[in-house]
């Protein structure tokens, strides 16, 4: 299992709720600061992280993302 955190920049309200609808997103919540929301994802392989990030970037209003992979 691979876990990653994707930071999302989007001025859209309720972006965290939209993130939770994406497969593999185990949790998401709004944040203050440079990014507007965080998505925590759990996948089987590193390649799947890219797929989830691409799906997040396709959401209307998402300006940019930054992905951090958990290191164990």
PDB file of N, CA and C in Angstrom:
ATOM      1  N   UNK A   1       0.853  -1.183   0.000  1.00  0.00           N
ATOM      2  CA  UNK A   1       0.000   0.000   0.000  1.00  0.00           C
ATOM      3  C   UNK A   1       0.894   1.240   0.000  1.00  0.00           C
ATOM      4  N   UNK A   2       0.558   2.182  -0.846  1.00  0.00           N
ATOM      5  CA  UNK A   2       1.293   3.438  -0.945  1.00  0.00           C
ATOM      6  C   UNK A   2       0.344   4.564  -0.555  1.00  0.00           C
ATOM      7  N   UNK A   3       0.799   5.450   0.309  1.00  0.00           N
ATOM      8  CA  UNK A   3      -0.018   6.586   0.738  1.00  0.00           C
ATOM      9  C   UNK A   3       0.648   7.869   0.248  1.00  0.00           C
ATOM     10  N   UNK A   4      -0.183   8.792  -0.196  1.00  0.00           N
ATOM     11  CA  UNK A   4       0.319  10.091  -0.647  1.00  0.00           C
ATOM     12  C   UNK A   4      -0.645  11.179  -0.197  1.00  0.00           C
ATOM     13  N   UNK A   5      -0.109  12.377  -0.120  1.00  0.00           N
ATOM     14  CA  UNK A   5      -0.910  13.557   0.192  1.00  0.00           C
ATOM     15  C   UNK A   5      -0.821  14.475  -1.014  1.00  0.00           C
ATOM     16  N   UNK A   6      -1.983  14.903  -1.487  1.00  0.00           N
ATOM     17  CA  UNK A   6      -2.025  15.828  -2.613  1.00  0.00           C
ATOM     18  C   UNK A   6      -2.597  17.153  -2.116  1.00  0.00           C
ATOM     19  N   UNK A   7      -1.800  18.200  -2.240  1.00  0.00           N
ATOM     20  CA  UNK A   7      -2.241  19.546  -1.883  1.00  0.00           C
ATOM     21  C   UNK A   7      -2.909  20.162  -3.106  1.00  0.00           C
ATOM     22  N   UNK A   8      -4.035  20.818  -2.897  1.00  0.00           N
ATOM     23  CA  UNK A   8      -4.829  21.325  -4.022  1.00  0.00           C
ATOM     24  C   UNK A   8      -5.069  22.823  -3.865  1.00  0.00           C
ATOM     25  N   UNK A   9      -4.773  23.569  -4.912  1.00  0.00           N
ATOM     26  CA  UNK A   9      -5.046  25.003  -4.970  1.00  0.00           C
ATOM     27  C   UNK A   9      -6.287  25.206  -5.830  1.00  0.00           C
ATOM     28  N   UNK A  10      -7.355  25.722  -5.217  1.00  0.00           N
ATOM     29  CA  UNK A  10      -8.595  25.964  -5.949  1.00  0.00           C
ATOM     30  C   UNK A  10      -9.441  26.970  -5.185  1.00  0.00           C
ATOM     31  N   UNK A  11      -9.851  28.043  -5.833  1.00  0.00           N
ATOM     32  CA  UNK A  11     -10.702  29.012  -5.159  1.00  0.00           C
ATOM     33  C   UNK A  11     -12.146  28.539  -5.003  1.00  0.00           C
ATOM     34  N   UNK A  12     -12.484  27.401  -5.596  1.00  0.00           N
ATOM     35  CA  UNK A  12     -13.857  26.885  -5.535  1.00  0.00           C
ATOM     36  C   UNK A  12     -14.223  26.471  -4.116  1.00  0.00           C
ATOM     37  N   UNK A  13     -15.417  26.813  -3.703  1.00  0.00           N
ATOM     38  CA  UNK A  13     -15.945  26.351  -2.428  1.00  0.00           C
ATOM     39  C   UNK A  13     -16.209  24.859  -2.522  1.00  0.00           C
ATOM     40  N   UNK A  14     -16.143  24.191  -1.429  1.00  0.00           N
ATOM     41  CA  UNK A  14     -16.450  22.758  -1.319  1.00  0.00           C
ATOM     42  C   UNK A  14     -15.528  21.872  -2.146  1.00  0.00           C
ATOM     43  N   UNK A  15     -14.305  22.321  -2.442  1.00  0.00           N
ATOM     44  CA  UNK A  15     -13.381  21.491  -3.218  1.00  0.00           C
ATOM     45  C   UNK A  15     -13.049  20.206  -2.465  1.00  0.00           C
ATOM     46  N   UNK A  16     -12.964  20.261  -1.138  1.00  0.00           N
ATOM     47  CA  UNK A  16     -12.644  19.062  -0.356  1.00  0.00           C
ATOM     48  C   UNK A  16     -13.725  17.996  -0.537  1.00  0.00           C
ATOM     49  N   UNK A  17     -14.970  18.405  -0.606  1.00  0.00           N
ATOM     50  CA  UNK A  17     -16.067  17.453  -0.818  1.00  0.00           C
ATOM     51  C   UNK A  17     -15.967  16.816  -2.208  1.00  0.00           C
ATOM     52  N   UNK A  18     -15.575  17.580  -3.182  1.00  0.00           N
ATOM     53  CA  UNK A  18     -15.405  17.029  -4.536  1.00  0.00           C
ATOM     54  C   UNK A  18     -14.260  16.024  -4.575  1.00  0.00           C
ATOM     55  N   UNK A  19     -13.205  16.296  -3.813  1.00  0.00           N
ATOM     56  CA  UNK A  19     -12.062  15.394  -3.792  1.00  0.00           C
ATOM     57  C   UNK A  19     -12.440  14.033  -3.222  1.00  0.00           C
ATOM     58  N   UNK A  20     -13.302  14.017  -2.220  1.00  0.00           N
ATOM     59  CA  UNK A  20     -13.705  12.763  -1.581  1.00  0.00           C
ATOM     60  C   UNK A  20     -14.453  11.829  -2.538  1.00  0.00           C
ATOM     61  N   UNK A  21     -14.968  12.362  -3.625  1.00  0.00           N
ATOM     62  CA  UNK A  21     -15.700  11.543  -4.596  1.00  0.00           C
ATOM     63  C   UNK A  21     -14.779  10.771  -5.539  1.00  0.00           C
ATOM     64  N   UNK A  22     -13.502  11.085  -5.509  1.00  0.00           N
ATOM     65  CA  UNK A  22     -12.545  10.423  -6.396  1.00  0.00           C
ATOM     66  C   UNK A  22     -12.101   9.107  -5.766  1.00  0.00           C
ATOM     67  N   UNK A  23     -12.084   8.072  -6.581  1.00  0.00           N
ATOM     68  CA  UNK A  23     -11.633   6.763  -6.125  1.00  0.00           C
ATOM     69  C   UNK A  23     -10.209   6.866  -5.594  1.00  0.00           C
ATOM     70  N   UNK A  24      -9.934   6.198  -4.518  1.00  0.00           N
ATOM     71  CA  UNK A  24      -8.633   6.137  -3.838  1.00  0.00           C
ATOM     72  C   UNK A  24      -8.397   7.283  -2.868  1.00  0.00           C
ATOM     73  N   UNK A  25      -9.248   8.309  -2.868  1.00  0.00           N
ATOM     74  CA  UNK A  25      -9.108   9.381  -1.872  1.00  0.00           C
ATOM     75  C   UNK A  25      -9.763   8.885  -0.583  1.00  0.00           C
ATOM     76  N   UNK A  26      -8.936   8.655   0.436  1.00  0.00           N
ATOM     77  CA  UNK A  26      -9.468   8.130   1.699  1.00  0.00           C
ATOM     78  C   UNK A  26      -9.963   9.240   2.611  1.00  0.00           C
ATOM     79  N   UNK A  27      -9.435  10.458   2.434  1.00  0.00           N
ATOM     80  CA  UNK A  27      -9.887  11.593   3.233  1.00  0.00           C
ATOM     81  C   UNK A  27      -9.493  12.875   2.520  1.00  0.00           C
ATOM     82  N   UNK A  28     -10.233  13.917   2.769  1.00  0.00           N
ATOM     83  CA  UNK A  28      -9.860  15.248   2.281  1.00  0.00           C
ATOM     84  C   UNK A  28     -10.479  16.280   3.197  1.00  0.00           C
ATOM     85  N   UNK A  29      -9.831  17.416   3.270  1.00  0.00           N
ATOM     86  CA  UNK A  29     -10.319  18.471   4.143  1.00  0.00           C
ATOM     87  C   UNK A  29      -9.792  19.816   3.655  1.00  0.00           C
ATOM     88  N   UNK A  30     -10.533  20.889   3.935  1.00  0.00           N
ATOM     89  CA  UNK A  30     -10.074  22.228   3.549  1.00  0.00           C
ATOM     90  C   UNK A  30      -8.933  22.677   4.463  1.00  0.00           C
ATOM     91  N   UNK A  31      -8.089  23.541   3.939  1.00  0.00           N
ATOM     92  CA  UNK A  31      -6.968  24.072   4.716  1.00  0.00           C
ATOM     93  C   UNK A  31      -6.850  25.576   4.480  1.00  0.00           C
ATOM     94  N   UNK A  32      -6.098  26.212   5.329  1.00  0.00           N
ATOM     95  CA  UNK A  32      -5.786  27.624   5.115  1.00  0.00           C
ATOM     96  C   UNK A  32      -4.329  27.701   4.680  1.00  0.00           C
ATOM     97  N   UNK A  33      -3.974  28.790   4.048  1.00  0.00           N
ATOM     98  CA  UNK A  33      -2.596  28.948   3.601  1.00  0.00           C
ATOM     99  C   UNK A  33      -2.488  28.897   2.093  1.00  0.00           C
ATOM    100  N   UNK A  34      -1.346  28.461   1.625  1.00  0.00           N
ATOM    101  CA  UNK A  34      -1.054  28.459   0.188  1.00  0.00           C
ATOM    102  C   UNK A  34      -1.990  27.537  -0.587  1.00  0.00           C
ATOM    103  N   UNK A  35      -2.398  26.414   0.017  1.00  0.00           N
ATOM    104  CA  UNK A  35      -3.293  25.475  -0.640  1.00  0.00           C
ATOM    105  C   UNK A  35      -4.651  25.506   0.037  1.00  0.00           C
ATOM    106  N   UNK A  36      -5.684  25.130  -0.698  1.00  0.00           N
ATOM    107  CA  UNK A  36      -7.058  25.235  -0.206  1.00  0.00           C
ATOM    108  C   UNK A  36      -7.633  23.924   0.323  1.00  0.00           C
ATOM    109  N   UNK A  37      -7.006  22.805  -0.057  1.00  0.00           N
ATOM    110  CA  UNK A  37      -7.496  21.505   0.403  1.00  0.00           C
ATOM    111  C   UNK A  37      -6.378  20.480   0.339  1.00  0.00           C
ATOM    112  N   UNK A  38      -6.573  19.412   1.105  1.00  0.00           N
ATOM    113  CA  UNK A  38      -5.648  18.288   1.128  1.00  0.00           C
ATOM    114  C   UNK A  38      -6.441  17.024   0.815  1.00  0.00           C
ATOM    115  N   UNK A  39      -5.875  16.173  -0.035  1.00  0.00           N
ATOM    116  CA  UNK A  39      -6.457  14.856  -0.300  1.00  0.00           C
ATOM    117  C   UNK A  39      -5.446  13.801   0.121  1.00  0.00           C
ATOM    118  N   UNK A  40      -5.886  12.854   0.926  1.00  0.00           N
ATOM    119  CA  UNK A  40      -5.038  11.734   1.314  1.00  0.00           C
ATOM    120  C   UNK A  40      -5.474  10.543   0.484  1.00  0.00           C
ATOM    121  N   UNK A  41      -4.506   9.945  -0.207  1.00  0.00           N
ATOM    122  CA  UNK A  41      -4.845   8.832  -1.077  1.00  0.00           C
ATOM    123  C   UNK A  41      -4.077   7.571  -0.672  1.00  0.00           C
ATOM    124  N   UNK A  42      -4.734   6.440  -0.849  1.00  0.00           N
ATOM    125  CA  UNK A  42      -4.134   5.130  -0.605  1.00  0.00           C
ATOM    126  C   UNK A  42      -4.308   4.301  -1.863  1.00  0.00           C
ATOM    127  N   UNK A  43      -3.183   3.869  -2.441  1.00  0.00           N
ATOM    128  CA  UNK A  43      -3.203   3.082  -3.667  1.00  0.00           C
ATOM    129  C   UNK A  43      -2.238   1.906  -3.530  1.00  0.00           C
ATOM    130  N   UNK A  44      -2.291   1.004  -4.488  1.00  0.00           N
ATOM    131  CA  UNK A  44      -1.426  -0.184  -4.449  1.00  0.00           C
ATOM    132  C   UNK A  44      -0.030   0.090  -5.015  1.00  0.00           C
ATOM    133  N   UNK A  45       0.065   0.958  -6.041  1.00  0.00           N
ATOM    134  CA  UNK A  45       1.356   1.190  -6.688  1.00  0.00           C
ATOM    135  C   UNK A  45       1.612   2.684  -6.872  1.00  0.00           C
ATOM    136  N   UNK A  46       2.874   3.032  -7.045  1.00  0.00           N
ATOM    137  CA  UNK A  46       3.241   4.431  -7.271  1.00  0.00           C
ATOM    138  C   UNK A  46       2.604   4.999  -8.536  1.00  0.00           C
ATOM    139  N   UNK A  47       2.467   4.182  -9.565  1.00  0.00           N
ATOM    140  CA  UNK A  47       1.885   4.639 -10.831  1.00  0.00           C
ATOM    141  C   UNK A  47       0.460   5.149 -10.626  1.00  0.00           C
ATOM    142  N   UNK A  48      -0.279   4.536  -9.724  1.00  0.00           N
ATOM    143  CA  UNK A  48      -1.661   4.934  -9.479  1.00  0.00           C
ATOM    144  C   UNK A  48      -1.751   6.333  -8.876  1.00  0.00           C
ATOM    145  N   UNK A  49      -0.709   6.782  -8.193  1.00  0.00           N
ATOM    146  CA  UNK A  49      -0.709   8.133  -7.629  1.00  0.00           C
ATOM    147  C   UNK A  49      -0.845   9.154  -8.750  1.00  0.00           C
ATOM    148  N   UNK A  50      -0.132   8.936  -9.836  1.00  0.00           N
ATOM    149  CA  UNK A  50      -0.212   9.844 -10.982  1.00  0.00           C
ATOM    150  C   UNK A  50      -1.625   9.876 -11.550  1.00  0.00           C
ATOM    151  N   UNK A  51      -2.258   8.716 -11.637  1.00  0.00           N
ATOM    152  CA  UNK A  51      -3.623   8.655 -12.163  1.00  0.00           C
ATOM    153  C   UNK A  51      -4.594   9.453 -11.285  1.00  0.00           C
ATOM    154  N   UNK A  52      -4.472   9.308  -9.980  1.00  0.00           N
ATOM    155  CA  UNK A  52      -5.351  10.042  -9.058  1.00  0.00           C
ATOM    156  C   UNK A  52      -5.072  11.541  -9.175  1.00  0.00           C
ATOM    157  N   UNK A  53      -3.804  11.923  -9.210  1.00  0.00           N
ATOM    158  CA  UNK A  53      -3.449  13.346  -9.345  1.00  0.00           C
ATOM    159  C   UNK A  53      -4.014  13.925 -10.641  1.00  0.00           C
ATOM    160  N   UNK A  54      -3.943  13.168 -11.717  1.00  0.00           N
ATOM    161  CA  UNK A  54      -4.499  13.632 -12.995  1.00  0.00           C
ATOM    162  C   UNK A  54      -6.010  13.825 -12.893  1.00  0.00           C
ATOM    163  N   UNK A  55      -6.699  12.917 -12.204  1.00  0.00           N
ATOM    164  CA  UNK A  55      -8.142  13.056 -12.023  1.00  0.00           C
ATOM    165  C   UNK A  55      -8.482  14.291 -11.202  1.00  0.00           C
ATOM    166  N   UNK A  56      -7.686  14.571 -10.194  1.00  0.00           N
ATOM    167  CA  UNK A  56      -7.904  15.772  -9.376  1.00  0.00           C
ATOM    168  C   UNK A  56      -7.697  17.023 -10.221  1.00  0.00           C
ATOM    169  N   UNK A  57      -6.672  17.022 -11.059  1.00  0.00           N
ATOM    170  CA  UNK A  57      -6.383  18.193 -11.891  1.00  0.00           C
ATOM    171  C   UNK A  57      -7.474  18.461 -12.921  1.00  0.00           C
ATOM    172  N   UNK A  58      -8.282  17.460 -13.227  1.00  0.00           N
ATOM    173  CA  UNK A  58      -9.384  17.626 -14.185  1.00  0.00           C
ATOM    174  C   UNK A  58     -10.623  18.259 -13.554  1.00  0.00           C
ATOM    175  N   UNK A  59     -10.664  18.377 -12.233  1.00  0.00           N
ATOM    176  CA  UNK A  59     -11.815  18.994 -11.565  1.00  0.00           C
ATOM    177  C   UNK A  59     -11.856  20.472 -11.917  1.00  0.00           C
ATOM    178  N   UNK A  60     -13.001  20.953 -12.299  1.00  0.00           N
ATOM    179  CA  UNK A  60     -13.169  22.362 -12.649  1.00  0.00           C
ATOM    180  C   UNK A  60     -12.747  23.249 -11.483  1.00  0.00           C
ATOM    181  N   UNK A  61     -11.892  24.206 -11.765  1.00  0.00           N
ATOM    182  CA  UNK A  61     -11.459  25.153 -10.744  1.00  0.00           C
ATOM    183  C   UNK A  61     -10.141  24.812 -10.078  1.00  0.00           C
ATOM    184  N   UNK A  62      -9.625  23.615 -10.278  1.00  0.00           N
ATOM    185  CA  UNK A  62      -8.333  23.257  -9.690  1.00  0.00           C
ATOM    186  C   UNK A  62      -7.237  23.961 -10.482  1.00  0.00           C
ATOM    187  N   UNK A  63      -6.477  24.784  -9.786  1.00  0.00           N
ATOM    188  CA  UNK A  63      -5.421  25.555 -10.442  1.00  0.00           C
ATOM    189  C   UNK A  63      -4.100  24.798 -10.486  1.00  0.00           C
ATOM    190  N   UNK A  64      -3.779  24.116  -9.379  1.00  0.00           N
ATOM    191  CA  UNK A  64      -2.542  23.327  -9.345  1.00  0.00           C
ATOM    192  C   UNK A  64      -2.579  22.359  -8.184  1.00  0.00           C
ATOM    193  N   UNK A  65      -1.700  21.368  -8.262  1.00  0.00           N
ATOM    194  CA  UNK A  65      -1.581  20.395  -7.182  1.00  0.00           C
ATOM    195  C   UNK A  65      -0.107  20.176  -6.869  1.00  0.00           C
ATOM    196  N   UNK A  66       0.127  19.661  -5.696  1.00  0.00           N
ATOM    197  CA  UNK A  66       1.471  19.239  -5.311  1.00  0.00           C
ATOM    198  C   UNK A  66       1.326  17.930  -4.554  1.00  0.00           C
ATOM    199  N   UNK A  67       2.113  16.942  -4.957  1.00  0.00           N
ATOM    200  CA  UNK A  67       1.971  15.606  -4.390  1.00  0.00           C
ATOM    201  C   UNK A  67       3.186  15.254  -3.537  1.00  0.00           C
ATOM    202  N   UNK A  68       2.913  14.688  -2.380  1.00  0.00           N
ATOM    203  CA  UNK A  68       3.953  14.213  -1.478  1.00  0.00           C
ATOM    204  C   UNK A  68       3.668  12.752  -1.170  1.00  0.00           C
ATOM    205  N   UNK A  69       4.642  11.875  -1.423  1.00  0.00           N
ATOM    206  CA  UNK A  69       4.477  10.449  -1.179  1.00  0.00           C
ATOM    207  C   UNK A  69       5.075  10.114   0.181  1.00  0.00           C
ATOM    208  N   UNK A  70       4.329   9.329   0.945  1.00  0.00           N
ATOM    209  CA  UNK A  70       4.805   8.901   2.260  1.00  0.00           C
ATOM    210  C   UNK A  70       6.023   7.987   2.076  1.00  0.00           C
ATOM    211  N   UNK A  71       7.049   8.231   2.862  1.00  0.00           N
ATOM    212  CA  UNK A  71       8.259   7.436   2.824  1.00  0.00           C
ATOM    213  C   UNK A  71       8.334   6.598   4.084  1.00  0.00           C
ATOM    214  N   UNK A  72       8.531   5.299   3.906  1.00  0.00           N
ATOM    215  CA  UNK A  72       8.617   4.417   5.072  1.00  0.00           C
ATOM    216  C   UNK A  72       9.947   3.742   5.152  1.00  0.00           C
TER     217      UNK A  72
END
